[in-house]
Structure formats: structure tokens, C-alpha cells
PDB file of N, CA and C in Angstrom:
ATOM      1  N   MET A   1     156.421  76.816  66.373  1.00  0.00           N
ATOM      2  CA  MET A   1     155.022  76.650  66.069  1.00  0.00           C
ATOM      3  C   MET A   1     154.763  75.182  65.811  1.00  0.00           C
ATOM      4  N   MET A   2     153.771  74.660  66.463  1.00  0.00           N
ATOM      5  CA  MET A   2     153.456  73.245  66.305  1.00  0.00           C
ATOM      6  C   MET A   2     152.334  73.099  65.279  1.00  0.00           C
ATOM      7  N   VAL A   3     152.480  72.181  64.388  1.00  0.00           N
ATOM      8  CA  VAL A   3     151.475  71.911  63.369  1.00  0.00           C
ATOM      9  C   VAL A   3     150.867  70.550  63.667  1.00  0.00           C
ATOM     10  N   MET A   4     149.531  70.502  63.720  1.00  0.00           N
ATOM     11  CA  MET A   4     148.845  69.241  63.981  1.00  0.00           C
ATOM     12  C   MET A   4     148.162  68.790  62.693  1.00  0.00           C
ATOM     13  N   ILE A   5     148.353  67.547  62.357  1.00  0.00           N
ATOM     14  CA  ILE A   5     147.725  66.985  61.159  1.00  0.00           C
ATOM     15  C   ILE A   5     146.708  65.948  61.613  1.00  0.00           C
ATOM     16  N   MET A   6     145.479  66.098  61.120  1.00  0.00           N
ATOM     17  CA  MET A   6     144.423  65.147  61.455  1.00  0.00           C
ATOM     18  C   MET A   6     143.894  64.511  60.175  1.00  0.00           C
ATOM     19  N   ILE A   7     143.610  63.241  60.270  1.00  0.00           N
ATOM     20  CA  ILE A   7     142.975  62.558  59.148  1.00  0.00           C
ATOM     21  C   ILE A   7     141.485  62.525  59.455  1.00  0.00           C
ATOM     22  N   ILE A   8     140.723  63.134  58.562  1.00  0.00           N
ATOM     23  CA  ILE A   8     139.284  63.248  58.773  1.00  0.00           C
ATOM     24  C   ILE A   8     138.578  62.514  57.645  1.00  0.00           C
ATOM     25  N   ASN A   9     137.724  61.591  57.993  1.00  0.00           N
ATOM     26  CA  ASN A   9     136.961  60.952  56.927  1.00  0.00           C
ATOM     27  C   ASN A   9     135.548  61.559  56.908  1.00  0.00           C
ATOM     28  N   SER A  10     134.915  61.502  55.780  1.00  0.00           N
ATOM     29  CA  SER A  10     133.636  62.186  55.573  1.00  0.00           C
ATOM     30  C   SER A  10     132.516  61.632  56.454  1.00  0.00           C
ATOM     31  N   SER A  11     132.563  60.359  56.832  1.00  0.00           N
ATOM     32  CA  SER A  11     131.486  59.814  57.670  1.00  0.00           C
ATOM     33  C   SER A  11     131.539  60.417  59.076  1.00  0.00           C
ATOM     34  N   ASN A  12     132.757  60.674  59.587  1.00  0.00           N
ATOM     35  CA  ASN A  12     132.873  61.318  60.895  1.00  0.00           C
ATOM     36  C   ASN A  12     132.374  62.759  60.840  1.00  0.00           C
ATOM     37  N   LEU A  13     132.638  63.439  59.737  1.00  0.00           N
ATOM     38  CA  LEU A  13     132.165  64.813  59.590  1.00  0.00           C
ATOM     39  C   LEU A  13     130.637  64.855  59.546  1.00  0.00           C
ATOM     40  N   GLN A  14     130.038  63.896  58.848  1.00  0.00           N
ATOM     41  CA  GLN A  14     128.579  63.863  58.752  1.00  0.00           C
ATOM     42  C   GLN A  14     127.965  63.584  60.114  1.00  0.00           C
ATOM     43  N   LYS A  15     128.587  62.733  60.910  1.00  0.00           N
ATOM     44  CA  LYS A  15     128.090  62.465  62.258  1.00  0.00           C
ATOM     45  C   LYS A  15     128.109  63.723  63.119  1.00  0.00           C
ATOM     46  N   LEU A  16     129.121  64.578  62.893  1.00  0.00           N
ATOM     47  CA  LEU A  16     129.234  65.819  63.653  1.00  0.00           C
ATOM     48  C   LEU A  16     128.390  66.949  63.058  1.00  0.00           C
ATOM     49  N   GLY A  17     127.837  66.731  61.910  1.00  0.00           N
ATOM     50  CA  GLY A  17     127.010  67.742  61.250  1.00  0.00           C
ATOM     51  C   GLY A  17     127.829  68.828  60.574  1.00  0.00           C
ATOM     52  N   ILE A  18     129.042  68.478  60.171  1.00  0.00           N
ATOM     53  CA  ILE A  18     129.924  69.439  59.509  1.00  0.00           C
ATOM     54  C   ILE A  18     130.098  69.006  58.062  1.00  0.00           C
ATOM     55  N   SER A  19     129.829  69.923  57.159  1.00  0.00           N
ATOM     56  CA  SER A  19     130.021  69.585  55.747  1.00  0.00           C
ATOM     57  C   SER A  19     131.500  69.774  55.385  1.00  0.00           C
ATOM     58  N   THR A  20     131.908  69.044  54.374  1.00  0.00           N
ATOM     59  CA  THR A  20     133.282  69.141  53.898  1.00  0.00           C
ATOM     60  C   THR A  20     133.584  70.558  53.424  1.00  0.00           C
ATOM     61  N   HIS A  21     132.573  71.186  52.823  1.00  0.00           N
ATOM     62  CA  HIS A  21     132.720  72.556  52.326  1.00  0.00           C
ATOM     63  C   HIS A  21     133.027  73.521  53.479  1.00  0.00           C
ATOM     64  N   LYS A  22     132.289  73.409  54.584  1.00  0.00           N
ATOM     65  CA  LYS A  22     132.515  74.284  55.741  1.00  0.00           C
ATOM     66  C   LYS A  22     133.900  74.051  56.341  1.00  0.00           C
ATOM     67  N   LEU A  23     134.301  72.794  56.391  1.00  0.00           N
ATOM     68  CA  LEU A  23     135.616  72.461  56.926  1.00  0.00           C
ATOM     69  C   LEU A  23     136.711  73.080  56.066  1.00  0.00           C
ATOM     70  N   LEU A  24     136.557  72.969  54.765  1.00  0.00           N
ATOM     71  CA  LEU A  24     137.543  73.522  53.849  1.00  0.00           C
ATOM     72  C   LEU A  24     137.642  75.037  54.001  1.00  0.00           C
ATOM     73  N   ILE A  25     136.515  75.712  54.091  1.00  0.00           N
ATOM     74  CA  ILE A  25     136.513  77.170  54.281  1.00  0.00           C
ATOM     75  C   ILE A  25     137.201  77.537  55.593  1.00  0.00           C
ATOM     76  N   GLY A  26     136.919  76.792  56.639  1.00  0.00           N
ATOM     77  CA  GLY A  26     137.549  77.045  57.934  1.00  0.00           C
ATOM     78  C   GLY A  26     139.053  76.874  57.902  1.00  0.00           C
ATOM     79  N   LEU A  27     139.501  75.791  57.269  1.00  0.00           N
ATOM     80  CA  LEU A  27     140.942  75.538  57.187  1.00  0.00           C
ATOM     81  C   LEU A  27     141.660  76.590  56.351  1.00  0.00           C
ATOM     82  N   VAL A  28     141.065  76.970  55.231  1.00  0.00           N
ATOM     83  CA  VAL A  28     141.674  78.000  54.388  1.00  0.00           C
ATOM     84  C   VAL A  28     141.737  79.323  55.141  1.00  0.00           C
ATOM     85  N   SER A  29     140.691  79.643  55.907  1.00  0.00           N
ATOM     86  CA  SER A  29     140.690  80.879  56.696  1.00  0.00           C
ATOM     87  C   SER A  29     141.806  80.882  57.729  1.00  0.00           C
ATOM     88  N   ILE A  30     141.991  79.764  58.393  1.00  0.00           N
ATOM     89  CA  ILE A  30     143.050  79.667  59.403  1.00  0.00           C
ATOM     90  C   ILE A  30     144.429  79.827  58.761  1.00  0.00           C
ATOM     91  N   ILE A  31     144.611  79.206  57.612  1.00  0.00           N
ATOM     92  CA  ILE A  31     145.897  79.306  56.917  1.00  0.00           C
ATOM     93  C   ILE A  31     146.161  80.738  56.489  1.00  0.00           C
ATOM     94  N   ILE A  32     145.162  81.403  55.940  1.00  0.00           N
ATOM     95  CA  ILE A  32     145.335  82.788  55.493  1.00  0.00           C
ATOM     96  C   ILE A  32     145.639  83.698  56.676  1.00  0.00           C
ATOM     97  N   LEU A  33     144.878  83.570  57.754  1.00  0.00           N
ATOM     98  CA  LEU A  33     145.129  84.403  58.932  1.00  0.00           C
ATOM     99  C   LEU A  33     146.501  84.111  59.533  1.00  0.00           C
ATOM    100  N   GLY A  34     146.890  82.875  59.544  1.00  0.00           N
ATOM    101  CA  GLY A  34     148.181  82.504  60.106  1.00  0.00           C
ATOM    102  C   GLY A  34     149.360  83.046  59.328  1.00  0.00           C
ATOM    103  N   THR A  35     149.185  83.243  58.044  1.00  0.00           N
ATOM    104  CA  THR A  35     150.292  83.748  57.240  1.00  0.00           C
ATOM    105  C   THR A  35     150.285  85.257  57.100  1.00  0.00           C
ATOM    106  N   THR A  36     149.165  85.911  57.387  1.00  0.00           N
ATOM    107  CA  THR A  36     149.113  87.366  57.219  1.00  0.00           C
ATOM    108  C   THR A  36     149.293  88.126  58.518  1.00  0.00           C
ATOM    109  N   VAL A  37     149.070  87.497  59.644  1.00  0.00           N
ATOM    110  CA  VAL A  37     149.221  88.184  60.918  1.00  0.00           C
ATOM    111  C   VAL A  37     150.675  88.074  61.344  1.00  0.00           C
ATOM    112  N   ALA A  38     151.340  89.217  61.429  1.00  0.00           N
ATOM    113  CA  ALA A  38     152.760  89.228  61.795  1.00  0.00           C
ATOM    114  C   ALA A  38     152.914  89.660  63.248  1.00  0.00           C
ATOM    115  N   PRO A  39     153.918  89.138  63.916  1.00  0.00           N
ATOM    116  CA  PRO A  39     154.154  89.561  65.294  1.00  0.00           C
ATOM    117  C   PRO A  39     154.620  91.014  65.328  1.00  0.00           C
ATOM    118  N   PRO A  40     154.447  91.690  66.466  1.00  0.00           N
ATOM    119  CA  PRO A  40     154.910  93.076  66.555  1.00  0.00           C
ATOM    120  C   PRO A  40     156.425  93.139  66.364  1.00  0.00           C
ATOM    121  N   THR A  41     156.876  94.208  65.756  1.00  0.00           N
ATOM    122  CA  THR A  41     158.300  94.347  65.511  1.00  0.00           C
ATOM    123  C   THR A  41     158.879  95.440  66.392  1.00  0.00           C
ATOM    124  N   SER A  42     160.156  95.364  66.615  1.00  0.00           N
ATOM    125  CA  SER A  42     160.867  96.366  67.388  1.00  0.00           C
ATOM    126  C   SER A  42     161.769  97.142  66.449  1.00  0.00           C
ATOM    127  N   VAL A  43     162.012  98.384  66.812  1.00  0.00           N
ATOM    128  CA  VAL A  43     162.946  99.191  66.049  1.00  0.00           C
ATOM    129  C   VAL A  43     164.313  99.024  66.692  1.00  0.00           C
ATOM    130  N   TYR A  44     165.287  98.681  65.877  1.00  0.00           N
ATOM    131  CA  TYR A  44     166.645  98.545  66.358  1.00  0.00           C
ATOM    132  C   TYR A  44     167.493  99.648  65.765  1.00  0.00           C
ATOM    133  N   ALA A  45     168.499 100.032  66.504  1.00  0.00           N
ATOM    134  CA  ALA A  45     169.340 101.138  66.072  1.00  0.00           C
ATOM    135  C   ALA A  45     170.297 100.739  64.966  1.00  0.00           C
ATOM    136  N   GLY A  46     170.700  99.489  64.923  1.00  0.00           N
ATOM    137  CA  GLY A  46     171.671  99.034  63.933  1.00  0.00           C
ATOM    138  C   GLY A  46     171.054  98.799  62.576  1.00  0.00           C
ATOM    139  N   SER A  47     171.897  98.734  61.578  1.00  0.00           N
ATOM    140  CA  SER A  47     171.399  98.549  60.221  1.00  0.00           C
ATOM    141  C   SER A  47     170.999  97.107  59.945  1.00  0.00           C
ATOM    142  N   ASN A  48     171.528  96.144  60.697  1.00  0.00           N
ATOM    143  CA  ASN A  48     171.162  94.759  60.456  1.00  0.00           C
ATOM    144  C   ASN A  48     170.601  94.116  61.721  1.00  0.00           C
ATOM    145  N   ASN A  49     169.678  94.819  62.351  1.00  0.00           N
ATOM    146  CA  ASN A  49     168.984  94.314  63.542  1.00  0.00           C
ATOM    147  C   ASN A  49     169.941  93.682  64.545  1.00  0.00           C
ATOM    148  N   ASP A  50     170.902  94.469  64.987  1.00  0.00           N
ATOM    149  CA  ASP A  50     171.902  93.950  65.907  1.00  0.00           C
ATOM    150  C   ASP A  50     171.372  93.799  67.330  1.00  0.00           C
ATOM    151  N   GLU A  51     170.055  93.838  67.482  1.00  0.00           N
ATOM    152  CA  GLU A  51     169.405  93.593  68.766  1.00  0.00           C
ATOM    153  C   GLU A  51     169.764  94.627  69.827  1.00  0.00           C
ATOM    154  N   VAL A  52     170.237  95.797  69.429  1.00  0.00           N
ATOM    155  CA  VAL A  52     170.474  96.894  70.365  1.00  0.00           C
ATOM    156  C   VAL A  52     169.326  97.869  70.171  1.00  0.00           C
ATOM    157  N   SER A  53     168.567  98.080  71.256  1.00  0.00           N
ATOM    158  CA  SER A  53     167.420  98.983  71.143  1.00  0.00           C
ATOM    159  C   SER A  53     167.907 100.405  70.897  1.00  0.00           C
ATOM    160  N   CYS A  54     167.010 101.242  70.453  1.00  0.00           N
ATOM    161  CA  CYS A  54     167.348 102.638  70.180  1.00  0.00           C
ATOM    162  C   CYS A  54     167.821 103.341  71.454  1.00  0.00           C
ATOM    163  N   PHE A  55     167.153 103.072  72.571  1.00  0.00           N
ATOM    164  CA  PHE A  55     167.564 103.690  73.831  1.00  0.00           C
ATOM    165  C   PHE A  55     168.977 103.250  74.212  1.00  0.00           C
ATOM    166  N   GLU A  56     169.245 101.935  74.093  1.00  0.00           N
ATOM    167  CA  GLU A  56     170.584 101.420  74.427  1.00  0.00           C
ATOM    168  C   GLU A  56     171.658 102.026  73.530  1.00  0.00           C
ATOM    169  N   ARG A  57     171.359 102.151  72.225  1.00  0.00           N
ATOM    170  CA  ARG A  57     172.314 102.751  71.292  1.00  0.00           C
ATOM    171  C   ARG A  57     172.584 104.198  71.705  1.00  0.00           C
ATOM    172  N   GLY A  58     171.536 104.929  72.083  1.00  0.00           N
ATOM    173  CA  GLY A  58     171.719 106.306  72.541  1.00  0.00           C
ATOM    174  C   GLY A  58     172.560 106.368  73.801  1.00  0.00           C
ATOM    175  N   LEU A  59     172.322 105.451  74.718  1.00  0.00           N
ATOM    176  CA  LEU A  59     173.079 105.394  75.968  1.00  0.00           C
ATOM    177  C   LEU A  59     174.565 105.151  75.684  1.00  0.00           C
ATOM    178  N   ILE A  60     174.851 104.203  74.814  1.00  0.00           N
ATOM    179  CA  ILE A  60     176.239 103.882  74.444  1.00  0.00           C
ATOM    180  C   ILE A  60     176.892 105.077  73.759  1.00  0.00           C
ATOM    181  N   ASP A  61     176.179 105.668  72.802  1.00  0.00           N
ATOM    182  CA  ASP A  61     176.729 106.829  72.095  1.00  0.00           C
ATOM    183  C   ASP A  61     176.950 108.003  73.041  1.00  0.00           C
ATOM    184  N   GLY A  62     176.019 108.224  73.947  1.00  0.00           N
ATOM    185  CA  GLY A  62     176.149 109.341  74.879  1.00  0.00           C
ATOM    186  C   GLY A  62     177.351 109.203  75.802  1.00  0.00           C
ATOM    187  N   GLU A  63     177.703 107.984  76.133  1.00  0.00           N
ATOM    188  CA  GLU A  63     178.844 107.764  77.030  1.00  0.00           C
ATOM    189  C   GLU A  63     180.181 107.966  76.329  1.00  0.00           C
ATOM    190  N   ASP A  64     180.254 107.633  75.031  1.00  0.00           N
ATOM    191  CA  ASP A  64     181.586 107.644  74.419  1.00  0.00           C
ATOM    192  C   ASP A  64     181.609 107.894  72.910  1.00  0.00           C
ATOM    193  N   HIS A  65     180.510 108.347  72.342  1.00  0.00           N
ATOM    194  CA  HIS A  65     180.471 108.564  70.895  1.00  0.00           C
ATOM    195  C   HIS A  65     179.678 109.835  70.590  1.00  0.00           C
ATOM    196  N   PRO A  66     179.861 110.386  69.387  1.00  0.00           N
ATOM    197  CA  PRO A  66     179.074 111.579  69.029  1.00  0.00           C
ATOM    198  C   PRO A  66     177.604 111.239  68.790  1.00  0.00           C
ATOM    199  N   PHE A  67     176.770 112.238  68.897  1.00  0.00           N
ATOM    200  CA  PHE A  67     175.340 112.103  68.628  1.00  0.00           C
ATOM    201  C   PHE A  67     175.145 111.786  67.152  1.00  0.00           C
ATOM    202  N   SER A  68     174.337 110.793  66.850  1.00  0.00           N
ATOM    203  CA  SER A  68     174.113 110.379  65.462  1.00  0.00           C
ATOM    204  C   SER A  68     172.766 110.902  64.976  1.00  0.00           C
ATOM    205  N   GLN A  69     172.818 111.844  64.055  1.00  0.00           N
ATOM    206  CA  GLN A  69     171.578 112.396  63.492  1.00  0.00           C
ATOM    207  C   GLN A  69     170.789 111.323  62.742  1.00  0.00           C
ATOM    208  N   SER A  70     171.492 110.423  62.039  1.00  0.00           N
ATOM    209  CA  SER A  70     170.778 109.399  61.264  1.00  0.00           C
ATOM    210  C   SER A  70     170.081 108.396  62.186  1.00  0.00           C
ATOM    211  N   THR A  71     170.735 107.998  63.280  1.00  0.00           N
ATOM    212  CA  THR A  71     170.091 107.079  64.227  1.00  0.00           C
ATOM    213  C   THR A  71     168.930 107.777  64.918  1.00  0.00           C
ATOM    214  N   ASN A  72     169.112 109.052  65.242  1.00  0.00           N
ATOM    215  CA  ASN A  72     168.031 109.816  65.856  1.00  0.00           C
ATOM    216  C   ASN A  72     166.835 109.916  64.916  1.00  0.00           C
ATOM    217  N   ALA A  73     167.093 110.092  63.627  1.00  0.00           N
ATOM    218  CA  ALA A  73     166.000 110.178  62.649  1.00  0.00           C
ATOM    219  C   ALA A  73     165.248 108.852  62.568  1.00  0.00           C
ATOM    220  N   LYS A  74     165.974 107.752  62.700  1.00  0.00           N
ATOM    221  CA  LYS A  74     165.367 106.425  62.628  1.00  0.00           C
ATOM    222  C   LYS A  74     164.600 106.087  63.907  1.00  0.00           C
ATOM    223  N   CYS A  75     165.180 106.453  65.056  1.00  0.00           N
ATOM    224  CA  CYS A  75     164.652 106.007  66.342  1.00  0.00           C
ATOM    225  C   CYS A  75     163.822 107.050  67.091  1.00  0.00           C
ATOM    226  N   GLY A  76     164.118 108.303  66.872  1.00  0.00           N
ATOM    227  CA  GLY A  76     163.363 109.350  67.553  1.00  0.00           C
ATOM    228  C   GLY A  76     163.741 109.517  69.016  1.00  0.00           C
ATOM    229  N   ASP A  77     162.717 109.743  69.839  1.00  0.00           N
ATOM    230  CA  ASP A  77     162.915 110.117  71.236  1.00  0.00           C
ATOM    231  C   ASP A  77     163.639 109.059  72.059  1.00  0.00           C
ATOM    232  N   ASP A  78     163.471 107.776  71.730  1.00  0.00           N
ATOM    233  CA  ASP A  78     164.167 106.733  72.487  1.00  0.00           C
ATOM    234  C   ASP A  78     165.684 106.908  72.402  1.00  0.00           C
ATOM    235  N   TYR A  79     166.178 107.139  71.210  1.00  0.00           N
ATOM    236  CA  TYR A  79     167.623 107.353  71.037  1.00  0.00           C
ATOM    237  C   TYR A  79     168.052 108.631  71.746  1.00  0.00           C
ATOM    238  N   TYR A  80     167.294 109.701  71.560  1.00  0.00           N
ATOM    239  CA  TYR A  80     167.621 111.001  72.150  1.00  0.00           C
ATOM    240  C   TYR A  80     167.709 110.907  73.672  1.00  0.00           C
ATOM    241  N   GLN A  81     166.700 110.287  74.297  1.00  0.00           N
ATOM    242  CA  GLN A  81     166.699 110.167  75.756  1.00  0.00           C
ATOM    243  C   GLN A  81     167.849 109.279  76.248  1.00  0.00           C
ATOM    244  N   GLY A  82     168.135 108.215  75.538  1.00  0.00           N
ATOM    245  CA  GLY A  82     169.272 107.362  75.890  1.00  0.00           C
ATOM    246  C   GLY A  82     170.586 108.114  75.775  1.00  0.00           C
ATOM    247  N   PHE A  83     170.703 108.913  74.712  1.00  0.00           N
ATOM    248  CA  PHE A  83     171.926 109.702  74.532  1.00  0.00           C
ATOM    249  C   PHE A  83     172.106 110.678  75.689  1.00  0.00           C
ATOM    250  N   LEU A  84     171.041 111.376  76.048  1.00  0.00           N
ATOM    251  CA  LEU A  84     171.135 112.333  77.161  1.00  0.00           C
ATOM    252  C   LEU A  84     171.535 111.636  78.461  1.00  0.00           C
ATOM    253  N   GLN A  85     170.947 110.483  78.716  1.00  0.00           N
ATOM    254  CA  GLN A  85     171.282 109.755  79.943  1.00  0.00           C
ATOM    255  C   GLN A  85     172.751 109.311  79.929  1.00  0.00           C
ATOM    256  N   GLY A  86     173.196 108.787  78.801  1.00  0.00           N
ATOM    257  CA  GLY A  86     174.592 108.355  78.697  1.00  0.00           C
ATOM    258  C   GLY A  86     175.556 109.520  78.794  1.00  0.00           C
ATOM    259  N   CYS A  87     175.236 110.613  78.141  1.00  0.00           N
ATOM    260  CA  CYS A  87     176.097 111.792  78.128  1.00  0.00           C
ATOM    261  C   CYS A  87     176.201 112.423  79.518  1.00  0.00           C
ATOM    262  N   THR A  88     175.070 112.536  80.218  1.00  0.00           N
ATOM    263  CA  THR A  88     175.100 113.156  81.547  1.00  0.00           C
ATOM    264  C   THR A  88     175.746 112.246  82.592  1.00  0.00           C
ATOM    265  N   SER A  89     175.925 110.962  82.275  1.00  0.00           N
ATOM    266  CA  SER A  89     176.594 110.055  83.219  1.00  0.00           C
ATOM    267  C   SER A  89     178.109 110.255  83.227  1.00  0.00           C
ATOM    268  N   VAL A  90     178.616 110.963  82.241  1.00  0.00           N
ATOM    269  CA  VAL A  90     180.051 111.221  82.149  1.00  0.00           C
ATOM    270  C   VAL A  90     180.395 112.405  83.060  1.00  0.00           C
ATOM    271  N   ASP A  91     181.439 112.239  83.893  1.00  0.00           N
ATOM    272  CA  ASP A  91     181.849 113.311  84.806  1.00  0.00           C
ATOM    273  C   ASP A  91     182.141 114.599  84.038  1.00  0.00           C
ATOM    274  N   GLY A  92     181.587 115.690  84.518  1.00  0.00           N
ATOM    275  CA  GLY A  92     181.828 116.996  83.922  1.00  0.00           C
ATOM    276  C   GLY A  92     180.778 117.413  82.891  1.00  0.00           C
ATOM    277  N   ASN A  93     179.922 116.490  82.460  1.00  0.00           N
ATOM    278  CA  ASN A  93     178.891 116.831  81.482  1.00  0.00           C
ATOM    279  C   ASN A  93     177.601 117.219  82.193  1.00  0.00           C
ATOM    280  N   SER A  94     177.039 118.343  81.804  1.00  0.00           N
ATOM    281  CA  SER A  94     175.736 118.748  82.327  1.00  0.00           C
ATOM    282  C   SER A  94     174.680 118.461  81.264  1.00  0.00           C
ATOM    283  N   ARG A  95     173.435 118.559  81.645  1.00  0.00           N
ATOM    284  CA  ARG A  95     172.355 118.347  80.674  1.00  0.00           C
ATOM    285  C   ARG A  95     172.427 119.377  79.549  1.00  0.00           C
ATOM    286  N   ASP A  96     172.760 120.629  79.906  1.00  0.00           N
ATOM    287  CA  ASP A  96     172.871 121.677  78.875  1.00  0.00           C
ATOM    288  C   ASP A  96     173.956 121.353  77.855  1.00  0.00           C
ATOM    289  N   ILE A  97     175.085 120.872  78.333  1.00  0.00           N
ATOM    290  CA  ILE A  97     176.173 120.501  77.419  1.00  0.00           C
ATOM    291  C   ILE A  97     175.733 119.368  76.506  1.00  0.00           C
ATOM    292  N   CYS A  98     175.097 118.350  77.088  1.00  0.00           N
ATOM    293  CA  CYS A  98     174.662 117.189  76.319  1.00  0.00           C
ATOM    294  C   CYS A  98     173.585 117.567  75.300  1.00  0.00           C
ATOM    295  N   GLU A  99     172.649 118.427  75.683  1.00  0.00           N
ATOM    296  CA  GLU A  99     171.615 118.862  74.734  1.00  0.00           C
ATOM    297  C   GLU A  99     172.226 119.686  73.598  1.00  0.00           C
ATOM    298  N   SER A 100     173.257 120.458  73.901  1.00  0.00           N
ATOM    299  CA  SER A 100     173.866 121.307  72.867  1.00  0.00           C
ATOM    300  C   SER A 100     174.534 120.488  71.771  1.00  0.00           C
ATOM    301  N   VAL A 101     175.052 119.303  72.118  1.00  0.00           N
ATOM    302  CA  VAL A 101     175.719 118.500  71.080  1.00  0.00           C
ATOM    303  C   VAL A 101     174.709 117.754  70.204  1.00  0.00           C
ATOM    304  N   THR A 102     173.438 117.766  70.594  1.00  0.00           N
ATOM    305  CA  THR A 102     172.430 117.090  69.768  1.00  0.00           C
ATOM    306  C   THR A 102     171.884 117.991  68.672  1.00  0.00           C
ATOM    307  N   ASP A 103     172.175 119.276  68.760  1.00  0.00           N
ATOM    308  CA  ASP A 103     171.710 120.214  67.731  1.00  0.00           C
ATOM    309  C   ASP A 103     172.520 119.982  66.471  1.00  0.00           C
ATOM    310  N   GLY A 104     171.840 119.797  65.400  1.00  0.00           N
ATOM    311  CA  GLY A 104     172.593 119.502  64.195  1.00  0.00           C
ATOM    312  C   GLY A 104     172.096 120.249  63.082  1.00  0.00           C
TER     313      GLY A 104
END
């Protein structure tokens, strides 16, 4: 984020027809909005935001790990669908088999 600092003297503001009071209100508004508006967040499967999405965690677990009820509770359908895709990619696993191991 780039921060720009301007030196404004009152005679220039008067020439522009801007009162110091209006400028101050505008600047305070920008500062408040800038500190309260947060970027959108993503849900990660790991406990310390290991940057693995819920779908990816499900895919990894489905290929070689048991279904995690706690991760499913945190992530919902993204984890579940990833798990099914990973599980069905393993030779010999059908969708019915993979769905049966998710029942807990």
C-alpha cells in the first residue's frame, strides 16, 4: 500500500474553495474506512493457515488419509467434494465406498 503525504497550506485551500474543516473530515473518513474495510478471507483447512484450501485438503485426504470430521465441520462441502474426488481416484474405490467412509 502506498501512502502519499502532501503539504497543504491554508491559502491554497482557500483558493480551491475548500475549508480546513472539510478537509479534516475527509481525511478522517478515509483513514477510518481504510482501517475498517478488510479484504475477503479464505477458509483454509489447516489450523495455522497453511495455504491449503479445503478442497485440496479433502483431495489429499481422500487419496491417502482417513476422512476428517473436524475438517469437514470447518470446511463443509468443499472438503467433502475434494475427499470424494481424491478417494475415487484410487484404484478399486467406487463412489459408494468413498461416501460410506464419510459417515461418522
